[in-house]
């Protein structure tokens, strides 16, 4: 599950393995091994991935499917606009 989540998040962020390598300061082989389920990332790397992808460790590990947006520092008005966009996207997804 973890290997699939890493690849899915990388694809969703439209980055390649090299981009993730650069962001996490690991080798390309390391990222490849994670995605091929040959090696499990260390706790330190899990934490770095949660910060990079803005997801919880539970999400990465497949224990929780909820995804959160980091909006700390935005005004209530901007937060409200983001919530409206999310609501509209959810409604659009139900009708398609």
PDB file of N, CA and C in Angstrom:
ATOM      1  N   UNK A   1       0.823  -1.198   0.000  1.00  0.00           N
ATOM      2  CA  UNK A   1       0.000   0.000   0.000  1.00  0.00           C
ATOM      3  C   UNK A   1       0.868   1.264   0.000  1.00  0.00           C
ATOM      4  N   UNK A   2       1.893   1.313   0.841  1.00  0.00           N
ATOM      5  CA  UNK A   2       2.759   2.487   0.918  1.00  0.00           C
ATOM      6  C   UNK A   2       3.396   2.773  -0.434  1.00  0.00           C
ATOM      7  N   UNK A   3       3.892   1.744  -1.090  1.00  0.00           N
ATOM      8  CA  UNK A   3       4.535   1.947  -2.386  1.00  0.00           C
ATOM      9  C   UNK A   3       3.555   2.553  -3.399  1.00  0.00           C
ATOM     10  N   UNK A   4       2.318   2.091  -3.371  1.00  0.00           N
ATOM     11  CA  UNK A   4       1.306   2.614  -4.281  1.00  0.00           C
ATOM     12  C   UNK A   4       0.963   4.065  -3.957  1.00  0.00           C
ATOM     13  N   UNK A   5       0.894   4.390  -2.671  1.00  0.00           N
ATOM     14  CA  UNK A   5       0.571   5.762  -2.277  1.00  0.00           C
ATOM     15  C   UNK A   5       1.677   6.725  -2.714  1.00  0.00           C
ATOM     16  N   UNK A   6       2.924   6.303  -2.575  1.00  0.00           N
ATOM     17  CA  UNK A   6       4.035   7.177  -2.985  1.00  0.00           C
ATOM     18  C   UNK A   6       3.929   7.464  -4.481  1.00  0.00           C
ATOM     19  N   UNK A   7       3.744   6.429  -5.270  1.00  0.00           N
ATOM     20  CA  UNK A   7       3.658   6.615  -6.716  1.00  0.00           C
ATOM     21  C   UNK A   7       2.424   7.419  -7.102  1.00  0.00           C
ATOM     22  N   UNK A   8       1.298   7.131  -6.469  1.00  0.00           N
ATOM     23  CA  UNK A   8       0.069   7.862  -6.770  1.00  0.00           C
ATOM     24  C   UNK A   8       0.216   9.345  -6.446  1.00  0.00           C
ATOM     25  N   UNK A   9       0.808   9.645  -5.296  1.00  0.00           N
ATOM     26  CA  UNK A   9       1.024  11.044  -4.926  1.00  0.00           C
ATOM     27  C   UNK A   9       1.994  11.721  -5.886  1.00  0.00           C
ATOM     28  N   UNK A  10       3.041  11.021  -6.238  1.00  0.00           N
ATOM     29  CA  UNK A  10       4.014  11.590  -7.173  1.00  0.00           C
ATOM     30  C   UNK A  10       3.341  11.900  -8.507  1.00  0.00           C
ATOM     31  N   UNK A  11       2.531  10.974  -8.984  1.00  0.00           N
ATOM     32  CA  UNK A  11       1.794  11.195 -10.233  1.00  0.00           C
ATOM     33  C   UNK A  11       0.810  12.352 -10.096  1.00  0.00           C
ATOM     34  N   UNK A  12       0.117  12.418  -8.963  1.00  0.00           N
ATOM     35  CA  UNK A  12      -0.853  13.498  -8.744  1.00  0.00           C
ATOM     36  C   UNK A  12      -0.178  14.863  -8.719  1.00  0.00           C
ATOM     37  N   UNK A  13       1.027  14.907  -8.177  1.00  0.00           N
ATOM     38  CA  UNK A  13       1.787  16.157  -8.136  1.00  0.00           C
ATOM     39  C   UNK A  13       2.515  16.423  -9.451  1.00  0.00           C
ATOM     40  N   UNK A  14       2.395  15.484 -10.373  1.00  0.00           N
ATOM     41  CA  UNK A  14       3.013  15.580 -11.695  1.00  0.00           C
ATOM     42  C   UNK A  14       4.526  15.786 -11.602  1.00  0.00           C
ATOM     43  N   UNK A  15       5.121  14.981 -10.752  1.00  0.00           N
ATOM     44  CA  UNK A  15       6.574  15.008 -10.637  1.00  0.00           C
ATOM     45  C   UNK A  15       7.121  13.620 -10.954  1.00  0.00           C
ATOM     46  N   UNK A  16       8.337  13.586 -11.446  1.00  0.00           N
ATOM     47  CA  UNK A  16       8.956  12.296 -11.727  1.00  0.00           C
ATOM     48  C   UNK A  16       9.801  11.866 -10.531  1.00  0.00           C
ATOM     49  N   UNK A  17      10.377  10.696 -10.638  1.00  0.00           N
ATOM     50  CA  UNK A  17      11.177  10.189  -9.529  1.00  0.00           C
ATOM     51  C   UNK A  17      12.348  11.123  -9.225  1.00  0.00           C
ATOM     52  N   UNK A  18      12.946  11.701 -10.244  1.00  0.00           N
ATOM     53  CA  UNK A  18      14.087  12.612 -10.044  1.00  0.00           C
ATOM     54  C   UNK A  18      13.680  13.813  -9.200  1.00  0.00           C
ATOM     55  N   UNK A  19      12.488  14.342  -9.440  1.00  0.00           N
ATOM     56  CA  UNK A  19      12.003  15.473  -8.646  1.00  0.00           C
ATOM     57  C   UNK A  19      11.866  15.091  -7.176  1.00  0.00           C
ATOM     58  N   UNK A  20      11.347  13.890  -6.919  1.00  0.00           N
ATOM     59  CA  UNK A  20      11.204  13.427  -5.539  1.00  0.00           C
ATOM     60  C   UNK A  20      12.572  13.173  -4.911  1.00  0.00           C
ATOM     61  N   UNK A  21      13.486  12.637  -5.696  1.00  0.00           N
ATOM     62  CA  UNK A  21      14.870  12.428  -5.256  1.00  0.00           C
ATOM     63  C   UNK A  21      15.470  13.751  -4.782  1.00  0.00           C
ATOM     64  N   UNK A  22      15.299  14.775  -5.593  1.00  0.00           N
ATOM     65  CA  UNK A  22      15.855  16.090  -5.259  1.00  0.00           C
ATOM     66  C   UNK A  22      15.207  16.679  -4.015  1.00  0.00           C
ATOM     67  N   UNK A  23      13.904  16.492  -3.886  1.00  0.00           N
ATOM     68  CA  UNK A  23      13.183  17.062  -2.745  1.00  0.00           C
ATOM     69  C   UNK A  23      13.549  16.372  -1.431  1.00  0.00           C
ATOM     70  N   UNK A  24      13.767  15.064  -1.493  1.00  0.00           N
ATOM     71  CA  UNK A  24      14.017  14.301  -0.264  1.00  0.00           C
ATOM     72  C   UNK A  24      15.501  14.012  -0.021  1.00  0.00           C
ATOM     73  N   UNK A  25      16.331  14.376  -1.003  1.00  0.00           N
ATOM     74  CA  UNK A  25      17.782  14.171  -0.880  1.00  0.00           C
ATOM     75  C   UNK A  25      18.125  12.691  -0.676  1.00  0.00           C
ATOM     76  N   UNK A  26      17.557  11.864  -1.561  1.00  0.00           N
ATOM     77  CA  UNK A  26      17.845  10.433  -1.565  1.00  0.00           C
ATOM     78  C   UNK A  26      18.253  10.059  -2.988  1.00  0.00           C
ATOM     79  N   UNK A  27      18.653   8.815  -3.183  1.00  0.00           N
ATOM     80  CA  UNK A  27      19.044   8.373  -4.520  1.00  0.00           C
ATOM     81  C   UNK A  27      17.809   7.952  -5.325  1.00  0.00           C
ATOM     82  N   UNK A  28      17.974   7.949  -6.649  1.00  0.00           N
ATOM     83  CA  UNK A  28      16.881   7.496  -7.512  1.00  0.00           C
ATOM     84  C   UNK A  28      16.569   6.034  -7.231  1.00  0.00           C
ATOM     85  N   UNK A  29      17.591   5.257  -6.924  1.00  0.00           N
ATOM     86  CA  UNK A  29      17.393   3.853  -6.603  1.00  0.00           C
ATOM     87  C   UNK A  29      16.530   3.699  -5.352  1.00  0.00           C
ATOM     88  N   UNK A  30      16.707   4.591  -4.382  1.00  0.00           N
ATOM     89  CA  UNK A  30      15.914   4.543  -3.155  1.00  0.00           C
ATOM     90  C   UNK A  30      14.437   4.738  -3.467  1.00  0.00           C
ATOM     91  N   UNK A  31      14.123   5.771  -4.244  1.00  0.00           N
ATOM     92  CA  UNK A  31      12.726   6.036  -4.603  1.00  0.00           C
ATOM     93  C   UNK A  31      12.167   4.872  -5.417  1.00  0.00           C
ATOM     94  N   UNK A  32      12.947   4.373  -6.342  1.00  0.00           N
ATOM     95  CA  UNK A  32      12.515   3.225  -7.144  1.00  0.00           C
ATOM     96  C   UNK A  32      12.230   2.018  -6.253  1.00  0.00           C
ATOM     97  N   UNK A  33      13.094   1.768  -5.292  1.00  0.00           N
ATOM     98  CA  UNK A  33      12.884   0.647  -4.367  1.00  0.00           C
ATOM     99  C   UNK A  33      11.617   0.835  -3.533  1.00  0.00           C
ATOM    100  N   UNK A  34      11.337   2.060  -3.117  1.00  0.00           N
ATOM    101  CA  UNK A  34      10.102   2.322  -2.367  1.00  0.00           C
ATOM    102  C   UNK A  34       8.895   1.986  -3.233  1.00  0.00           C
ATOM    103  N   UNK A  35       8.906   2.506  -4.460  1.00  0.00           N
ATOM    104  CA  UNK A  35       7.753   2.342  -5.337  1.00  0.00           C
ATOM    105  C   UNK A  35       7.575   0.903  -5.807  1.00  0.00           C
ATOM    106  N   UNK A  36       8.641   0.140  -5.857  1.00  0.00           N
ATOM    107  CA  UNK A  36       8.554  -1.261  -6.254  1.00  0.00           C
ATOM    108  C   UNK A  36       8.367  -2.186  -5.054  1.00  0.00           C
ATOM    109  N   UNK A  37       8.195  -1.603  -3.887  1.00  0.00           N
ATOM    110  CA  UNK A  37       7.949  -2.340  -2.649  1.00  0.00           C
ATOM    111  C   UNK A  37       9.101  -3.277  -2.279  1.00  0.00           C
ATOM    112  N   UNK A  38      10.321  -2.859  -2.637  1.00  0.00           N
ATOM    113  CA  UNK A  38      11.510  -3.626  -2.275  1.00  0.00           C
ATOM    114  C   UNK A  38      12.053  -3.213  -0.905  1.00  0.00           C
ATOM    115  N   UNK A  39      11.834  -1.950  -0.561  1.00  0.00           N
ATOM    116  CA  UNK A  39      12.352  -1.384   0.686  1.00  0.00           C
ATOM    117  C   UNK A  39      11.282  -0.468   1.258  1.00  0.00           C
ATOM    118  N   UNK A  40      11.170  -0.430   2.567  1.00  0.00           N
ATOM    119  CA  UNK A  40      10.244   0.475   3.249  1.00  0.00           C
ATOM    120  C   UNK A  40      11.032   1.715   3.682  1.00  0.00           C
ATOM    121  N   UNK A  41      10.500   2.903   3.449  1.00  0.00           N
ATOM    122  CA  UNK A  41      11.205   4.117   3.877  1.00  0.00           C
ATOM    123  C   UNK A  41      11.371   4.160   5.392  1.00  0.00           C
ATOM    124  N   UNK A  42      12.425   4.818   5.813  1.00  0.00           N
ATOM    125  CA  UNK A  42      12.638   5.018   7.250  1.00  0.00           C
ATOM    126  C   UNK A  42      11.572   5.962   7.785  1.00  0.00           C
ATOM    127  N   UNK A  43      11.454   6.017   9.088  1.00  0.00           N
ATOM    128  CA  UNK A  43      10.509   6.949   9.717  1.00  0.00           C
ATOM    129  C   UNK A  43      10.856   8.379   9.327  1.00  0.00           C
ATOM    130  N   UNK A  44      12.132   8.691   9.297  1.00  0.00           N
ATOM    131  CA  UNK A  44      12.573  10.040   8.899  1.00  0.00           C
ATOM    132  C   UNK A  44      12.089  10.374   7.490  1.00  0.00           C
ATOM    133  N   UNK A  45      12.190   9.415   6.573  1.00  0.00           N
ATOM    134  CA  UNK A  45      11.739   9.637   5.201  1.00  0.00           C
ATOM    135  C   UNK A  45      10.221   9.728   5.122  1.00  0.00           C
ATOM    136  N   UNK A  46       9.522   8.933   5.930  1.00  0.00           N
ATOM    137  CA  UNK A  46       8.059   9.040   5.979  1.00  0.00           C
ATOM    138  C   UNK A  46       7.644  10.449   6.389  1.00  0.00           C
ATOM    139  N   UNK A  47       8.309  10.977   7.406  1.00  0.00           N
ATOM    140  CA  UNK A  47       8.003  12.333   7.871  1.00  0.00           C
ATOM    141  C   UNK A  47       8.272  13.340   6.758  1.00  0.00           C
ATOM    142  N   UNK A  48       9.399  13.201   6.067  1.00  0.00           N
ATOM    143  CA  UNK A  48       9.714  14.128   4.968  1.00  0.00           C
ATOM    144  C   UNK A  48       8.672  14.044   3.857  1.00  0.00           C
ATOM    145  N   UNK A  49       8.209  12.820   3.573  1.00  0.00           N
ATOM    146  CA  UNK A  49       7.186  12.674   2.532  1.00  0.00           C
ATOM    147  C   UNK A  49       5.853  13.284   2.961  1.00  0.00           C
ATOM    148  N   UNK A  50       5.495  13.142   4.240  1.00  0.00           N
ATOM    149  CA  UNK A  50       4.247  13.757   4.696  1.00  0.00           C
ATOM    150  C   UNK A  50       4.314  15.265   4.542  1.00  0.00           C
ATOM    151  N   UNK A  51       5.471  15.832   4.826  1.00  0.00           N
ATOM    152  CA  UNK A  51       5.646  17.280   4.688  1.00  0.00           C
ATOM    153  C   UNK A  51       5.650  17.693   3.216  1.00  0.00           C
ATOM    154  N   UNK A  52       6.318  16.930   2.390  1.00  0.00           N
ATOM    155  CA  UNK A  52       6.414  17.270   0.968  1.00  0.00           C
ATOM    156  C   UNK A  52       5.061  17.172   0.272  1.00  0.00           C
ATOM    157  N   UNK A  53       4.338  16.073   0.531  1.00  0.00           N
ATOM    158  CA  UNK A  53       3.054  15.854  -0.133  1.00  0.00           C
ATOM    159  C   UNK A  53       1.867  16.435   0.630  1.00  0.00           C
ATOM    160  N   UNK A  54       2.113  16.956   1.826  1.00  0.00           N
ATOM    161  CA  UNK A  54       1.039  17.539   2.650  1.00  0.00           C
ATOM    162  C   UNK A  54      -0.060  16.510   2.938  1.00  0.00           C
ATOM    163  N   UNK A  55       0.365  15.329   3.370  1.00  0.00           N
ATOM    164  CA  UNK A  55      -0.564  14.273   3.768  1.00  0.00           C
ATOM    165  C   UNK A  55      -0.132  13.748   5.130  1.00  0.00           C
ATOM    166  N   UNK A  56      -1.008  13.002   5.763  1.00  0.00           N
ATOM    167  CA  UNK A  56      -0.664  12.419   7.061  1.00  0.00           C
ATOM    168  C   UNK A  56       0.105  11.116   6.853  1.00  0.00           C
ATOM    169  N   UNK A  57       0.810  10.700   7.870  1.00  0.00           N
ATOM    170  CA  UNK A  57       1.493   9.407   7.836  1.00  0.00           C
ATOM    171  C   UNK A  57       0.456   8.300   7.695  1.00  0.00           C
ATOM    172  N   UNK A  58      -0.690   8.458   8.348  1.00  0.00           N
ATOM    173  CA  UNK A  58      -1.761   7.468   8.224  1.00  0.00           C
ATOM    174  C   UNK A  58      -2.195   7.318   6.762  1.00  0.00           C
ATOM    175  N   UNK A  59      -2.276   8.434   6.054  1.00  0.00           N
ATOM    176  CA  UNK A  59      -2.646   8.364   4.637  1.00  0.00           C
ATOM    177  C   UNK A  59      -1.578   7.607   3.855  1.00  0.00           C
ATOM    178  N   UNK A  60      -0.317   7.967   4.056  1.00  0.00           N
ATOM    179  CA  UNK A  60       0.772   7.293   3.350  1.00  0.00           C
ATOM    180  C   UNK A  60       0.767   5.789   3.605  1.00  0.00           C
ATOM    181  N   UNK A  61       0.484   5.413   4.836  1.00  0.00           N
ATOM    182  CA  UNK A  61       0.513   4.003   5.212  1.00  0.00           C
ATOM    183  C   UNK A  61      -0.770   3.256   4.854  1.00  0.00           C
ATOM    184  N   UNK A  62      -1.757   3.968   4.317  1.00  0.00           N
ATOM    185  CA  UNK A  62      -3.000   3.331   3.923  1.00  0.00           C
ATOM    186  C   UNK A  62      -3.969   3.095   5.068  1.00  0.00           C
ATOM    187  N   UNK A  63      -3.753   3.775   6.186  1.00  0.00           N
ATOM    188  CA  UNK A  63      -4.630   3.615   7.346  1.00  0.00           C
ATOM    189  C   UNK A  63      -5.809   4.586   7.326  1.00  0.00           C
ATOM    190  N   UNK A  64      -5.706   5.608   6.486  1.00  0.00           N
ATOM    191  CA  UNK A  64      -6.719   6.655   6.418  1.00  0.00           C
ATOM    192  C   UNK A  64      -6.741   7.179   4.990  1.00  0.00           C
ATOM    193  N   UNK A  65      -7.905   7.381   4.444  1.00  0.00           N
ATOM    194  CA  UNK A  65      -8.009   7.871   3.070  1.00  0.00           C
ATOM    195  C   UNK A  65      -8.269   9.370   2.972  1.00  0.00           C
ATOM    196  N   UNK A  66      -8.357  10.032   4.105  1.00  0.00           N
ATOM    197  CA  UNK A  66      -8.624  11.468   4.075  1.00  0.00           C
ATOM    198  C   UNK A  66      -7.368  12.226   3.657  1.00  0.00           C
ATOM    199  N   UNK A  67      -7.587  13.261   2.849  1.00  0.00           N
ATOM    200  CA  UNK A  67      -6.502  14.141   2.412  1.00  0.00           C
ATOM    201  C   UNK A  67      -6.819  15.536   2.914  1.00  0.00           C
ATOM    202  N   UNK A  68      -5.809  16.206   3.439  1.00  0.00           N
ATOM    203  CA  UNK A  68      -5.988  17.528   4.015  1.00  0.00           C
ATOM    204  C   UNK A  68      -5.247  18.570   3.190  1.00  0.00           C
ATOM    205  N   UNK A  69      -5.771  19.778   3.177  1.00  0.00           N
ATOM    206  CA  UNK A  69      -5.082  20.908   2.561  1.00  0.00           C
ATOM    207  C   UNK A  69      -4.509  21.775   3.664  1.00  0.00           C
ATOM    208  N   UNK A  70      -3.275  22.199   3.493  1.00  0.00           N
ATOM    209  CA  UNK A  70      -2.642  23.092   4.469  1.00  0.00           C
ATOM    210  C   UNK A  70      -3.014  24.522   4.104  1.00  0.00           C
ATOM    211  N   UNK A  71      -3.849  25.135   4.928  1.00  0.00           N
ATOM    212  CA  UNK A  71      -4.313  26.492   4.639  1.00  0.00           C
ATOM    213  C   UNK A  71      -4.007  27.455   5.783  1.00  0.00           C
ATOM    214  N   UNK A  72      -3.150  27.019   6.688  1.00  0.00           N
ATOM    215  CA  UNK A  72      -2.773  27.869   7.812  1.00  0.00           C
ATOM    216  C   UNK A  72      -2.240  29.197   7.293  1.00  0.00           C
ATOM    217  N   UNK A  73      -2.699  30.262   7.900  1.00  0.00           N
ATOM    218  CA  UNK A  73      -2.231  31.592   7.521  1.00  0.00           C
ATOM    219  C   UNK A  73      -3.134  32.300   6.537  1.00  0.00           C
ATOM    220  N   UNK A  74      -4.084  31.571   5.954  1.00  0.00           N
ATOM    221  CA  UNK A  74      -5.028  32.225   5.052  1.00  0.00           C
ATOM    222  C   UNK A  74      -6.153  32.849   5.862  1.00  0.00           C
ATOM    223  N   UNK A  75      -6.706  33.909   5.326  1.00  0.00           N
ATOM    224  CA  UNK A  75      -7.821  34.567   6.004  1.00  0.00           C
ATOM    225  C   UNK A  75      -9.054  33.666   5.951  1.00  0.00           C
ATOM    226  N   UNK A  76     -10.023  33.968   6.790  1.00  0.00           N
ATOM    227  CA  UNK A  76     -11.278  33.210   6.772  1.00  0.00           C
ATOM    228  C   UNK A  76     -11.975  33.343   5.420  1.00  0.00           C
ATOM    229  N   UNK A  77     -11.859  34.502   4.801  1.00  0.00           N
ATOM    230  CA  UNK A  77     -12.481  34.707   3.494  1.00  0.00           C
ATOM    231  C   UNK A  77     -11.852  33.789   2.453  1.00  0.00           C
ATOM    232  N   UNK A  78     -10.520  33.688   2.447  1.00  0.00           N
ATOM    233  CA  UNK A  78      -9.838  32.821   1.489  1.00  0.00           C
ATOM    234  C   UNK A  78     -10.125  31.348   1.793  1.00  0.00           C
ATOM    235  N   UNK A  79     -10.193  31.024   3.069  1.00  0.00           N
ATOM    236  CA  UNK A  79     -10.524  29.656   3.463  1.00  0.00           C
ATOM    237  C   UNK A  79     -11.917  29.295   2.969  1.00  0.00           C
ATOM    238  N   UNK A  80     -12.843  30.222   3.093  1.00  0.00           N
ATOM    239  CA  UNK A  80     -14.210  30.007   2.625  1.00  0.00           C
ATOM    240  C   UNK A  80     -14.243  29.791   1.108  1.00  0.00           C
ATOM    241  N   UNK A  81     -13.456  30.547   0.371  1.00  0.00           N
ATOM    242  CA  UNK A  81     -13.403  30.384  -1.083  1.00  0.00           C
ATOM    243  C   UNK A  81     -12.876  28.996  -1.460  1.00  0.00           C
ATOM    244  N   UNK A  82     -11.843  28.559  -0.755  1.00  0.00           N
ATOM    245  CA  UNK A  82     -11.286  27.230  -1.021  1.00  0.00           C
ATOM    246  C   UNK A  82     -12.332  26.161  -0.733  1.00  0.00           C
ATOM    247  N   UNK A  83     -13.065  26.303   0.367  1.00  0.00           N
ATOM    248  CA  UNK A  83     -14.105  25.327   0.701  1.00  0.00           C
ATOM    249  C   UNK A  83     -15.182  25.308  -0.364  1.00  0.00           C
ATOM    250  N   UNK A  84     -15.547  26.459  -0.895  1.00  0.00           N
ATOM    251  CA  UNK A  84     -16.549  26.521  -1.962  1.00  0.00           C
ATOM    252  C   UNK A  84     -16.057  25.783  -3.209  1.00  0.00           C
ATOM    253  N   UNK A  85     -14.785  25.956  -3.543  1.00  0.00           N
ATOM    254  CA  UNK A  85     -14.214  25.267  -4.699  1.00  0.00           C
ATOM    255  C   UNK A  85     -14.262  23.754  -4.475  1.00  0.00           C
ATOM    256  N   UNK A  86     -13.872  23.321  -3.291  1.00  0.00           N
ATOM    257  CA  UNK A  86     -13.895  21.889  -2.965  1.00  0.00           C
ATOM    258  C   UNK A  86     -15.315  21.349  -3.068  1.00  0.00           C
ATOM    259  N   UNK A  87     -16.265  22.065  -2.510  1.00  0.00           N
ATOM    260  CA  UNK A  87     -17.666  21.630  -2.572  1.00  0.00           C
ATOM    261  C   UNK A  87     -18.148  21.524  -4.021  1.00  0.00           C
ATOM    262  N   UNK A  88     -17.800  22.507  -4.844  1.00  0.00           N
ATOM    263  CA  UNK A  88     -18.204  22.480  -6.245  1.00  0.00           C
ATOM    264  C   UNK A  88     -17.557  21.311  -6.995  1.00  0.00           C
ATOM    265  N   UNK A  89     -16.296  21.022  -6.699  1.00  0.00           N
ATOM    266  CA  UNK A  89     -15.628  19.893  -7.338  1.00  0.00           C
ATOM    267  C   UNK A  89     -16.258  18.570  -6.935  1.00  0.00           C
ATOM    268  N   UNK A  90     -16.649  18.466  -5.659  1.00  0.00           N
ATOM    269  CA  UNK A  90     -17.316  17.238  -5.201  1.00  0.00           C
ATOM    270  C   UNK A  90     -18.656  17.066  -5.904  1.00  0.00           C
ATOM    271  N   UNK A  91     -19.417  18.154  -6.021  1.00  0.00           N
ATOM    272  CA  UNK A  91     -20.707  18.086  -6.717  1.00  0.00           C
ATOM    273  C   UNK A  91     -20.519  17.717  -8.176  1.00  0.00           C
ATOM    274  N   UNK A  92     -19.537  18.297  -8.819  1.00  0.00           N
ATOM    275  CA  UNK A  92     -19.267  18.005 -10.224  1.00  0.00           C
ATOM    276  C   UNK A  92     -18.854  16.555 -10.402  1.00  0.00           C
ATOM    277  N   UNK A  93     -18.116  16.027  -9.437  1.00  0.00           N
ATOM    278  CA  UNK A  93     -17.681  14.635  -9.516  1.00  0.00           C
ATOM    279  C   UNK A  93     -18.828  13.654  -9.393  1.00  0.00           C
ATOM    280  N   UNK A  94     -19.856  14.029  -8.637  1.00  0.00           N
ATOM    281  CA  UNK A  94     -21.018  13.152  -8.466  1.00  0.00           C
ATOM    282  C   UNK A  94     -21.878  13.099  -9.721  1.00  0.00           C
ATOM    283  N   UNK A  95     -21.865  14.183 -10.486  1.00  0.00           N
ATOM    284  CA  UNK A  95     -22.728  14.239 -11.660  1.00  0.00           C
ATOM    285  C   UNK A  95     -22.041  13.692 -12.912  1.00  0.00           C
ATOM    286  N   UNK A  96     -20.738  13.446 -12.837  1.00  0.00           N
ATOM    287  CA  UNK A  96     -20.056  12.952 -14.046  1.00  0.00           C
ATOM    288  C   UNK A  96     -19.917  11.461 -14.066  1.00  0.00           C
TER     289      UNK A  96
END
